[in-house]
Amino acid sequence: MHDLWAVYAVQAALWAGSIWAEPSLRLALWALALTLDIVTPFLVARETHRAPPHPEHLPERFGLFTIILLGETAAAAVHALDHGSELHGDTLAVSILGACLGFLYWVGYFRRARGNAERHVSDAAAGRNLRLWAYGHIPLYLGIASLGAGTVYLAHHTALSGSAPWLFSISAALSMIGVTLVSLSTFRRHLASGWPYFLIASVAAVMPVMVSSAPWLLGALVTFAAFQIGLSWYLNRS
């Protein structure tokens, strides 16, 4: 544990020392300090069972925030219908598919991954799984938050160009990765066992190369999200 105190001291020194550093060096110090901030909780994960958190409180908080973000995707689907100067078929398709994508992530998180299930930490392995569960929400939240704004944009920019389609597809892939990490932690599976889901997310991330319009892009992403859920059901049906 004394080594951990030293790590915390280094983090504090990096953040504080960046005040006097040159701008270019300051960014490097911030990146190093943030990396240590992210990694350190995993170093103490094996000790979490000695002072375990409440098994219901954290899942409830994380679950409520997930619902809020998913609600934003539903609101974005409606907002996309009146955001542009005119309503046409592609706009309607993107809005509906965007709402479907949010619903599928709801099913994946609450029904398949059981992201809001109680988290009892009784041993070192459970402590590590708790950290994986918590950190799995980072890509999940980043992805879902971006999907709402992306739905509104793509509903009225249906010819794919620029970085927006890539941001949308990568966000969808991040959400898939986040749900997978949460699921692996819930059922105490090794990261390697999630390779089929990571592969699906990887293909989803590069979909702008394969399609030329927003409806086709969202249709493909909805298909991948549904396939991921179906695969989860099939592999875990016992």
Protein backbone atom coordinates (compact mmCIF):
# COMPACT_ATOMS: atom_id res chain seq x y z
CA MET A 1 0.00 0.00 0.00
CA HIS A 2 2.92 2.35 0.58
CA ASP A 3 3.71 2.10 -3.13
CA LEU A 4 0.23 3.39 -3.88
CA TRP A 5 0.77 6.42 -1.71
CA ALA A 6 3.88 7.12 -3.78
CA VAL A 7 1.82 6.87 -6.99
CA TYR A 8 -0.75 9.31 -5.59
CA ALA A 9 2.08 11.70 -4.64
CA VAL A 10 3.47 11.54 -8.18
CA GLN A 11 0.03 12.29 -9.62
CA ALA A 12 -0.37 15.32 -7.36
CA ALA A 13 3.11 16.53 -8.25
CA LEU A 14 2.40 16.24 -11.97
CA TRP A 15 -0.87 18.17 -11.76
CA ALA A 16 0.63 20.86 -9.53
CA GLY A 17 3.91 21.08 -11.46
CA SER A 18 2.09 21.63 -14.75
CA ILE A 19 1.16 25.13 -13.54
CA TRP A 20 4.70 26.33 -14.17
CA ALA A 21 5.42 24.21 -17.26
CA GLU A 22 5.48 25.42 -20.83
CA PRO A 23 2.18 24.86 -22.72
CA SER A 24 3.57 22.03 -24.86
CA LEU A 25 5.06 20.26 -21.84
CA ARG A 26 1.96 20.97 -19.77
CA LEU A 27 -0.20 18.82 -22.05
CA ALA A 28 2.26 15.95 -21.72
CA LEU A 29 2.21 16.25 -17.92
CA TRP A 30 -1.59 16.29 -17.92
CA ALA A 31 -1.69 13.19 -20.12
CA LEU A 32 0.72 11.33 -17.84
CA ALA A 33 -1.13 12.40 -14.68
CA LEU A 34 -4.49 11.40 -16.18
CA THR A 35 -3.09 8.02 -17.20
CA LEU A 36 -1.94 7.41 -13.65
CA ASP A 37 -5.34 8.55 -12.35
CA ILE A 38 -7.05 5.98 -14.56
CA VAL A 39 -4.67 3.12 -13.84
CA THR A 40 -4.32 3.56 -10.07
CA PRO A 41 -7.84 2.32 -9.11
CA PHE A 42 -7.02 -1.02 -10.74
CA LEU A 43 -3.95 -1.29 -8.51
CA VAL A 44 -6.12 -1.11 -5.39
CA ALA A 45 -8.97 -3.20 -6.83
CA ARG A 46 -7.74 -6.32 -5.03
CA GLU A 47 -8.22 -4.51 -1.69
CA THR A 48 -11.78 -3.30 -2.39
CA HIS A 49 -13.37 -6.22 -0.55
CA ARG A 50 -11.79 -5.02 2.70
CA ALA A 51 -14.05 -1.93 2.58
CA PRO A 52 -16.68 -2.82 -0.04
CA PRO A 53 -19.06 -0.18 -1.40
CA HIS A 54 -22.81 -0.55 -1.01
CA PRO A 55 -23.95 -3.22 -3.52
CA GLU A 56 -26.99 -1.24 -4.69
CA HIS A 57 -26.03 2.43 -4.53
CA LEU A 58 -23.44 2.63 -7.33
CA PRO A 59 -25.42 0.46 -9.80
CA GLU A 60 -28.48 2.60 -9.16
CA ARG A 61 -26.56 5.85 -9.81
CA PHE A 62 -24.89 4.52 -12.94
CA GLY A 63 -28.16 3.05 -14.18
CA LEU A 64 -30.05 6.32 -13.72
CA PHE A 65 -27.40 8.25 -15.64
CA THR A 66 -27.56 5.65 -18.40
CA ILE A 67 -31.32 6.15 -18.63
CA ILE A 68 -30.85 9.92 -18.87
CA LEU A 69 -28.38 9.57 -21.75
CA LEU A 70 -30.59 7.06 -23.55
CA GLY A 71 -33.49 9.47 -23.08
CA GLU A 72 -31.43 12.09 -24.89
CA THR A 73 -31.16 9.77 -27.89
CA ALA A 74 -34.96 9.49 -27.96
CA ALA A 75 -35.30 13.26 -27.68
CA ALA A 76 -32.73 13.70 -30.45
CA ALA A 77 -34.73 11.41 -32.74
CA VAL A 78 -37.76 13.68 -32.30
CA HIS A 79 -35.72 16.87 -32.56
CA ALA A 80 -34.21 15.65 -35.82
CA LEU A 81 -37.64 15.80 -37.45
CA ASP A 82 -37.97 19.57 -37.02
CA HIS A 83 -34.32 20.58 -37.11
CA GLY A 84 -34.04 21.08 -40.86
CA SER A 85 -35.88 23.23 -43.36
CA GLU A 86 -37.90 20.33 -44.76
CA LEU A 87 -38.95 16.83 -43.85
CA HIS A 88 -38.19 14.01 -46.28
CA GLY A 89 -37.97 10.23 -46.27
CA ASP A 90 -34.28 10.02 -45.42
CA THR A 91 -34.77 12.32 -42.43
CA LEU A 92 -37.59 10.16 -41.15
CA ALA A 93 -35.53 6.99 -41.65
CA VAL A 94 -32.54 8.38 -39.78
CA SER A 95 -34.74 9.56 -36.90
CA ILE A 96 -36.47 6.19 -36.54
CA LEU A 97 -33.22 4.24 -36.81
CA GLY A 98 -31.55 6.55 -34.28
CA ALA A 99 -34.35 5.84 -31.82
CA CYS A 100 -34.03 2.10 -32.51
CA LEU A 101 -30.31 2.27 -31.81
CA GLY A 102 -30.93 3.87 -28.43
CA PHE A 103 -33.56 1.24 -27.60
CA LEU A 104 -31.17 -1.57 -28.49
CA TYR A 105 -28.53 -0.14 -26.17
CA TRP A 106 -31.17 -0.03 -23.44
CA VAL A 107 -31.88 -3.74 -24.02
CA GLY A 108 -28.18 -4.53 -24.14
CA TYR A 109 -27.36 -2.65 -20.93
CA PHE A 110 -30.33 -3.41 -18.69
CA ARG A 111 -31.53 -6.78 -19.99
CA ARG A 112 -28.46 -8.57 -21.36
CA ALA A 113 -25.50 -7.01 -19.48
CA ARG A 114 -27.57 -6.35 -16.34
CA GLY A 115 -25.60 -3.18 -15.81
CA ASN A 116 -27.74 -2.07 -12.86
CA ALA A 117 -27.52 -5.39 -10.98
CA GLU A 118 -26.22 -5.41 -7.41
CA ARG A 119 -22.44 -5.52 -7.10
CA HIS A 120 -21.35 -7.55 -4.09
CA VAL A 121 -17.59 -7.31 -3.51
CA SER A 122 -16.53 -10.23 -1.36
CA ASP A 123 -13.08 -11.05 -2.73
CA ALA A 124 -10.23 -9.63 -4.80
CA ALA A 125 -11.70 -10.89 -8.09
CA ALA A 126 -15.00 -9.14 -7.38
CA GLY A 127 -13.05 -5.94 -6.68
CA ARG A 128 -11.41 -6.12 -10.09
CA ASN A 129 -14.76 -6.81 -11.73
CA LEU A 130 -16.21 -3.76 -10.01
CA ARG A 131 -13.48 -1.61 -11.54
CA LEU A 132 -14.09 -3.12 -14.98
CA TRP A 133 -17.82 -2.48 -14.62
CA ALA A 134 -17.27 1.14 -13.60
CA TYR A 135 -14.72 1.87 -16.32
CA GLY A 136 -16.86 0.14 -18.93
CA HIS A 137 -19.29 3.04 -18.57
CA ILE A 138 -16.73 5.49 -19.96
CA PRO A 139 -16.91 4.30 -23.60
CA LEU A 140 -20.62 3.59 -23.14
CA TYR A 141 -21.41 7.13 -22.02
CA LEU A 142 -19.14 8.76 -24.58
CA GLY A 143 -20.79 6.74 -27.33
CA ILE A 144 -24.40 7.31 -26.30
CA ALA A 145 -23.90 11.04 -25.75
CA SER A 146 -22.45 11.43 -29.24
CA LEU A 147 -25.20 9.39 -30.90
CA GLY A 148 -27.91 11.86 -29.96
CA ALA A 149 -26.19 14.83 -31.55
CA GLY A 150 -25.15 12.70 -34.50
CA THR A 151 -28.72 11.63 -35.21
CA VAL A 152 -29.85 15.25 -35.45
CA TYR A 153 -26.98 16.12 -37.78
CA LEU A 154 -27.19 13.11 -40.07
CA ALA A 155 -30.95 13.45 -40.43
CA HIS A 156 -30.32 16.54 -42.55
CA HIS A 157 -26.89 15.69 -43.98
CA THR A 158 -27.73 12.30 -45.40
CA ALA A 159 -24.97 12.25 -48.04
CA LEU A 160 -21.99 11.06 -46.01
CA SER A 161 -18.94 13.30 -46.04
CA GLY A 162 -16.41 14.73 -43.64
CA SER A 163 -15.84 13.50 -40.11
CA ALA A 164 -19.46 13.37 -38.89
CA PRO A 165 -20.21 9.83 -40.18
CA TRP A 166 -16.98 8.55 -38.64
CA LEU A 167 -17.77 10.18 -35.32
CA PHE A 168 -21.22 8.58 -35.37
CA SER A 169 -20.03 5.08 -36.26
CA ILE A 170 -17.14 5.21 -33.77
CA SER A 171 -19.60 6.37 -31.10
CA ALA A 172 -21.82 3.39 -31.87
CA ALA A 173 -18.80 1.10 -31.59
CA LEU A 174 -17.80 2.67 -28.25
CA SER A 175 -21.29 2.00 -26.93
CA MET A 176 -21.02 -1.63 -28.02
CA ILE A 177 -17.64 -1.96 -26.33
CA GLY A 178 -18.98 -0.36 -23.15
CA VAL A 179 -21.96 -2.73 -22.96
CA THR A 180 -19.60 -5.67 -23.54
CA LEU A 181 -17.26 -4.62 -20.70
CA VAL A 182 -20.21 -4.18 -18.35
CA SER A 183 -21.52 -7.61 -19.33
CA LEU A 184 -18.14 -9.31 -18.83
CA SER A 185 -17.87 -7.80 -15.36
CA THR A 186 -21.42 -8.83 -14.44
CA PHE A 187 -20.89 -12.48 -15.37
CA ARG A 188 -17.22 -12.55 -14.28
CA ARG A 189 -15.88 -13.45 -17.71
CA HIS A 190 -12.36 -12.89 -19.00
CA LEU A 191 -11.80 -10.04 -21.45
CA ALA A 192 -10.70 -12.53 -24.10
CA SER A 193 -14.16 -14.14 -24.07
CA GLY A 194 -15.64 -10.91 -25.38
CA TRP A 195 -13.77 -11.07 -28.69
CA PRO A 196 -16.91 -11.69 -30.84
CA TYR A 197 -18.50 -8.51 -29.51
CA PHE A 198 -15.31 -6.49 -29.91
CA LEU A 199 -15.09 -7.74 -33.49
CA ILE A 200 -18.66 -6.59 -34.19
CA ALA A 201 -17.83 -3.18 -32.73
CA SER A 202 -14.69 -2.93 -34.88
CA VAL A 203 -16.65 -3.60 -38.06
CA ALA A 204 -19.31 -1.07 -37.00
CA ALA A 205 -16.63 1.59 -36.51
CA VAL A 206 -15.53 1.46 -40.17
CA MET A 207 -19.01 1.39 -41.74
CA PRO A 208 -18.62 4.83 -43.42
CA VAL A 209 -16.21 3.13 -45.83
CA MET A 210 -18.93 0.71 -46.94
CA VAL A 211 -22.04 2.90 -47.26
CA SER A 212 -22.76 6.26 -48.86
CA SER A 213 -25.86 7.59 -47.11
CA ALA A 214 -26.98 8.18 -43.53
CA PRO A 215 -30.01 5.82 -43.62
CA TRP A 216 -27.79 2.95 -44.77
CA LEU A 217 -25.22 3.81 -42.10
CA LEU A 218 -27.75 3.80 -39.29
CA GLY A 219 -29.44 0.72 -40.69
CA ALA A 220 -26.12 -1.13 -40.61
CA LEU A 221 -25.38 0.02 -37.06
CA VAL A 222 -28.84 -1.03 -35.87
CA THR A 223 -28.25 -4.43 -37.46
CA PHE A 224 -24.90 -4.82 -35.69
CA ALA A 225 -26.37 -3.78 -32.33
CA ALA A 226 -29.25 -6.23 -32.74
CA PHE A 227 -26.82 -8.98 -33.79
CA GLN A 228 -24.69 -8.32 -30.72
CA ILE A 229 -27.74 -8.73 -28.48
CA GLY A 230 -28.85 -11.87 -30.32
CA LEU A 231 -25.36 -13.34 -30.07
CA SER A 232 -25.31 -12.59 -26.34
CA TRP A 233 -28.62 -14.37 -25.90
CA TYR A 234 -27.46 -17.37 -27.91
CA LEU A 235 -24.10 -17.78 -26.16
CA ASN A 236 -25.56 -17.29 -22.68
CA ARG A 237 -28.93 -18.98 -23.11
CA SER A 238 -28.11 -21.57 -20.43
